[in-house]
Amino acid sequence: MPAPVRAALAIAAAALLAATAGCSSGGHSAKPADARTGAAQSGAAAAAPPAQAAAIVTGPGPKSSYDVQPQPAAGSCHYRYTADKQPLPDPNCTPGAISPAVNQGNIIDTICKQGGYTSTIRPPANITGKEKAENAKSYGYTGPTGDSEYDHLISLQLGGDPNDPRNLWVQPPSPDHVPGKGPNNPKDSVETHIHTAICKGQTTLAAAQQAIATDWTTAEAKLGIAKAGAAAPSSAPDGDGE
């Protein structure tokens, strides 16, 4: 075979081998569909799940007789305040606690019972009075005792536990309070309004309990119910309504 022909054949063979190597190499690019799938999977792995509210603890429930409950150490609890100066409890000391005696299935026979329910399970004043004095030390409350309210964060009419210390706090007066006139607690009217919504089927018990425990000032908005009117001042040991 003439030399020029052999040279041409050698060049053609080399080109063919190079093309074959490029196609069979393990480093070839992914198909477009695979690239899209990979990007989607990467995005799914990077997206964090939405945060969920912590479950509310369950207390011991109503008792035929109550004992004075120990309170957090003096000065260990700290009030929080909203932008308009409404008081909120320390979530570490007072996260709220629900009663095991109340659930969505029995509200007609408990919190929505005709004739009232809370008066039948409320701890007596000789118990709550002692607890209130100690809880005031927990929160560093130094104002007049009569101007504060020993409040169930999740009220009795919303299925809150009657005497679990995690559900009770000395609630200081709200803005525009007149010293010596007793508590002026708008939280009471919010609780009553939400109680009505539960009994009318406008919201669930669990949603209401979570909303009031998180922030009573925003609970109605979170539940999608109209805001209640202002509450009249309450001088009761605990302003929870029936």
Protein backbone atom coordinates (compact mmCIF):
# COMPACT_ATOMS: atom_id res chain seq x y z
CA MET A 1 0.00 0.00 0.00
CA PRO A 2 1.38 3.38 -0.90
CA ALA A 3 2.65 5.51 1.97
CA PRO A 4 0.13 8.37 1.48
CA VAL A 5 -2.79 5.92 1.73
CA ARG A 6 -1.41 4.36 4.91
CA ALA A 7 -1.02 7.80 6.45
CA ALA A 8 -4.62 8.77 5.64
CA LEU A 9 -5.96 5.54 7.12
CA ALA A 10 -3.98 6.08 10.33
CA ILE A 11 -5.38 9.58 10.77
CA ALA A 12 -8.97 8.34 10.24
CA ALA A 13 -8.51 5.52 12.77
CA ALA A 14 -7.17 7.91 15.40
CA ALA A 15 -10.15 10.22 14.96
CA LEU A 16 -12.60 7.31 15.34
CA LEU A 17 -10.94 6.12 18.55
CA ALA A 18 -11.11 9.61 20.06
CA ALA A 19 -14.82 9.93 19.29
CA THR A 20 -15.53 6.50 20.80
CA ALA A 21 -13.66 7.35 24.00
CA GLY A 22 -15.67 10.56 24.44
CA CYS A 23 -18.98 8.71 24.22
CA SER A 24 -18.10 5.82 26.52
CA SER A 25 -16.36 7.83 29.27
CA GLY A 26 -17.87 7.63 32.81
CA GLY A 27 -17.69 11.43 33.14
CA HIS A 28 -20.33 12.32 30.59
CA SER A 29 -22.97 14.95 31.45
CA ALA A 30 -26.31 14.03 33.09
CA LYS A 31 -29.42 14.17 31.01
CA PRO A 32 -31.52 17.34 31.41
CA ALA A 33 -34.33 15.39 33.08
CA ASP A 34 -31.88 13.96 35.63
CA ALA A 35 -30.51 17.42 36.34
CA ARG A 36 -33.97 18.76 37.01
CA THR A 37 -34.75 15.85 39.32
CA GLY A 38 -31.51 16.35 41.21
CA ALA A 39 -32.21 20.04 41.69
CA ALA A 40 -35.71 19.30 42.96
CA GLN A 41 -34.41 16.70 45.38
CA SER A 42 -31.71 19.07 46.61
CA GLY A 43 -34.28 21.80 47.19
CA ALA A 44 -36.58 19.41 49.07
CA ALA A 45 -33.76 18.34 51.34
CA ALA A 46 -32.78 21.95 52.07
CA ALA A 47 -36.31 23.15 52.88
CA ALA A 48 -36.95 23.03 56.66
CA PRO A 49 -40.38 21.83 57.82
CA PRO A 50 -42.60 24.54 59.35
CA ALA A 51 -42.18 24.99 63.09
CA GLN A 52 -44.97 23.57 65.20
CA ALA A 53 -46.14 24.86 68.57
CA ALA A 54 -45.05 22.76 71.53
CA ALA A 55 -47.73 20.55 73.01
CA ILE A 56 -49.34 21.90 76.16
CA VAL A 57 -48.71 19.80 79.24
CA THR A 58 -51.60 18.08 81.03
CA GLY A 59 -52.01 18.78 84.71
CA PRO A 60 -53.49 16.60 87.46
CA GLY A 61 -57.02 17.90 86.92
CA PRO A 62 -59.84 18.75 89.33
CA LYS A 63 -59.66 17.38 92.87
CA SER A 64 -62.11 17.04 95.73
CA SER A 65 -59.58 18.93 97.87
CA TYR A 66 -56.51 20.90 96.88
CA ASP A 67 -53.07 21.31 98.42
CA VAL A 68 -50.91 24.42 98.20
CA GLN A 69 -48.54 23.92 95.27
CA PRO A 70 -44.86 24.93 95.38
CA GLN A 71 -44.01 27.91 93.18
CA PRO A 72 -40.91 28.76 91.13
CA ALA A 73 -37.95 30.19 93.01
CA ALA A 74 -38.15 33.84 93.98
CA GLY A 75 -37.03 36.13 91.16
CA SER A 76 -36.78 33.30 88.64
CA CYS A 77 -39.77 34.40 86.53
CA HIS A 78 -39.89 37.50 84.35
CA TYR A 79 -42.88 39.32 82.91
CA ARG A 80 -43.05 40.11 79.22
CA TYR A 81 -45.06 42.98 77.76
CA THR A 82 -46.68 43.56 74.41
CA ALA A 83 -46.12 46.74 72.40
CA ASP A 84 -49.13 48.30 74.14
CA LYS A 85 -47.85 47.24 77.58
CA GLN A 86 -50.21 44.34 78.24
CA PRO A 87 -48.56 41.80 80.58
CA LEU A 88 -47.66 38.27 79.51
CA PRO A 89 -46.20 35.51 81.71
CA ASP A 90 -42.78 33.92 81.54
CA PRO A 91 -43.18 30.85 79.28
CA ASN A 92 -40.55 28.99 81.28
CA CYS A 93 -42.48 29.42 84.52
CA THR A 94 -46.04 29.59 83.21
CA PRO A 95 -46.42 27.75 79.88
CA GLY A 96 -49.99 26.75 80.67
CA ALA A 97 -51.46 23.36 81.58
CA ILE A 98 -54.73 21.74 80.54
CA SER A 99 -57.13 19.62 82.54
CA PRO A 100 -57.42 15.91 81.68
CA ALA A 101 -61.11 16.17 82.58
CA VAL A 102 -61.94 18.36 79.55
CA ASN A 103 -61.70 17.36 75.91
CA GLN A 104 -63.42 18.18 72.63
CA GLY A 105 -65.79 15.26 73.03
CA ASN A 106 -67.18 16.26 76.44
CA ILE A 107 -67.36 20.06 76.31
CA ILE A 108 -71.18 19.96 76.48
CA ASP A 109 -70.91 18.25 79.86
CA THR A 110 -67.99 20.32 81.14
CA ILE A 111 -67.04 23.85 80.08
CA CYS A 112 -70.23 24.40 78.02
CA LYS A 113 -72.52 22.88 80.64
CA GLN A 114 -75.67 24.85 81.33
CA GLY A 115 -75.57 26.28 84.83
CA GLY A 116 -71.80 26.61 84.96
CA TYR A 117 -68.77 24.45 85.45
CA THR A 118 -65.81 26.40 86.76
CA SER A 119 -67.22 27.06 90.22
CA THR A 120 -67.36 23.31 90.82
CA ILE A 121 -63.62 22.81 90.26
CA ARG A 122 -62.04 26.09 91.39
CA PRO A 123 -59.50 25.78 94.24
CA PRO A 124 -60.60 27.66 97.37
CA ALA A 125 -59.18 31.04 98.31
CA ASN A 126 -57.29 29.66 101.33
CA ILE A 127 -55.22 27.63 98.84
CA THR A 128 -54.81 30.14 96.02
CA GLY A 129 -54.13 33.00 98.44
CA LYS A 130 -51.00 31.29 99.73
CA GLU A 131 -49.93 30.33 96.24
CA LYS A 132 -50.46 33.87 95.00
CA ALA A 133 -48.21 35.31 97.72
CA GLU A 134 -45.40 32.93 96.79
CA ASN A 135 -45.90 33.37 93.03
CA ALA A 136 -45.63 37.14 93.48
CA LYS A 137 -42.12 36.48 94.80
CA SER A 138 -41.43 34.22 91.82
CA TYR A 139 -42.25 37.08 89.45
CA GLY A 140 -40.88 39.85 91.63
CA TYR A 141 -44.31 41.51 91.80
CA THR A 142 -44.24 44.17 94.51
CA GLY A 143 -47.45 46.07 93.79
CA PRO A 144 -50.62 45.89 95.88
CA THR A 145 -51.89 42.31 96.02
CA GLY A 146 -55.45 43.46 95.40
CA ASP A 147 -54.49 45.15 92.14
CA SER A 148 -53.14 41.93 90.66
CA GLU A 149 -54.96 38.75 89.70
CA TYR A 150 -53.85 35.18 90.35
CA ASP A 151 -54.74 34.10 86.87
CA HIS A 152 -55.14 30.77 85.13
CA LEU A 153 -53.22 31.30 81.90
CA ILE A 154 -55.53 28.78 80.22
CA SER A 155 -58.68 29.70 82.06
CA LEU A 156 -60.98 27.15 83.68
CA GLN A 157 -63.67 27.93 81.14
CA LEU A 158 -61.21 26.96 78.39
CA GLY A 159 -60.29 23.66 80.02
CA GLY A 160 -57.24 24.87 81.93
CA ASP A 161 -55.96 22.89 84.88
CA PRO A 162 -57.35 24.22 88.18
CA ASN A 163 -54.22 24.16 90.35
CA ASP A 164 -51.18 23.20 88.32
CA PRO A 165 -48.51 25.86 89.10
CA ARG A 166 -47.56 25.87 85.42
CA ASN A 167 -50.99 27.33 84.67
CA LEU A 168 -51.11 30.08 87.31
CA TRP A 169 -49.34 33.41 87.57
CA VAL A 170 -49.72 36.71 89.35
CA GLN A 171 -50.98 38.91 86.54
CA PRO A 172 -50.12 42.58 87.12
CA PRO A 173 -52.53 45.38 86.22
CA SER A 174 -53.04 46.37 82.60
CA PRO A 175 -52.45 49.92 81.33
CA ASP A 176 -54.77 52.68 82.56
CA HIS A 177 -55.16 50.88 85.89
CA VAL A 178 -56.33 52.98 88.83
CA PRO A 179 -54.31 51.99 91.92
CA GLY A 180 -56.44 50.53 94.69
CA LYS A 181 -59.38 49.77 92.39
CA GLY A 182 -58.64 46.08 91.95
CA PRO A 183 -57.55 44.31 88.75
CA ASN A 184 -58.46 45.77 85.36
CA ASN A 185 -57.97 42.63 83.34
CA PRO A 186 -59.06 42.64 79.67
CA LYS A 187 -57.85 39.04 79.41
CA ASP A 188 -61.06 37.97 81.17
CA SER A 189 -63.27 39.20 78.34
CA VAL A 190 -61.03 37.51 75.77
CA GLU A 191 -61.42 34.21 77.62
CA THR A 192 -65.18 34.52 77.82
CA HIS A 193 -65.41 35.42 74.15
CA ILE A 194 -63.30 32.41 73.14
CA HIS A 195 -65.34 30.17 75.44
CA THR A 196 -68.48 31.24 73.60
CA ALA A 197 -66.80 30.50 70.26
CA ILE A 198 -65.88 26.99 71.42
CA CYS A 199 -69.40 26.23 72.60
CA LYS A 200 -70.83 27.52 69.30
CA GLY A 201 -68.45 25.34 67.30
CA GLN A 202 -66.59 28.32 65.84
CA THR A 203 -63.22 27.00 67.01
CA THR A 204 -61.85 23.86 68.59
CA LEU A 205 -60.87 23.44 72.21
CA ALA A 206 -57.26 22.57 71.34
CA ALA A 207 -56.83 25.58 69.05
CA ALA A 208 -58.26 27.89 71.68
CA GLN A 209 -56.00 26.53 74.39
CA GLN A 210 -52.92 26.90 72.21
CA ALA A 211 -53.84 30.46 71.23
CA ILE A 212 -54.51 31.69 74.75
CA ALA A 213 -51.37 30.02 76.11
CA THR A 214 -49.20 31.60 73.42
CA ASP A 215 -50.42 35.20 73.74
CA TRP A 216 -53.84 36.15 75.07
CA THR A 217 -53.69 39.53 73.31
CA THR A 218 -53.57 37.90 69.85
CA ALA A 219 -55.65 34.79 70.57
CA GLU A 220 -58.87 36.05 68.98
CA ALA A 221 -57.09 37.06 65.78
CA LYS A 222 -55.33 33.69 65.57
CA LEU A 223 -58.66 31.91 65.94
CA GLY A 224 -60.34 34.12 63.37
CA ILE A 225 -63.05 35.43 65.67
CA ALA A 226 -64.03 39.07 66.16
CA LYS A 227 -62.36 40.93 68.98
CA ALA A 228 -64.40 41.14 72.18
CA GLY A 229 -65.28 44.40 73.89
CA ALA A 230 -63.37 45.74 76.86
CA ALA A 231 -63.79 43.90 80.13
CA ALA A 232 -65.11 45.51 83.26
CA PRO A 233 -62.62 45.54 86.15
CA SER A 234 -62.68 42.33 88.17
CA SER A 235 -62.00 42.02 91.88
CA ALA A 236 -62.45 38.25 92.00
CA PRO A 237 -59.52 36.09 93.14
CA ASP A 238 -59.52 34.69 89.62
CA GLY A 239 -61.57 36.37 86.94
CA ASP A 240 -62.37 33.19 85.01
CA GLY A 241 -66.04 33.29 84.11
CA GLU A 242 -68.51 30.46 83.94
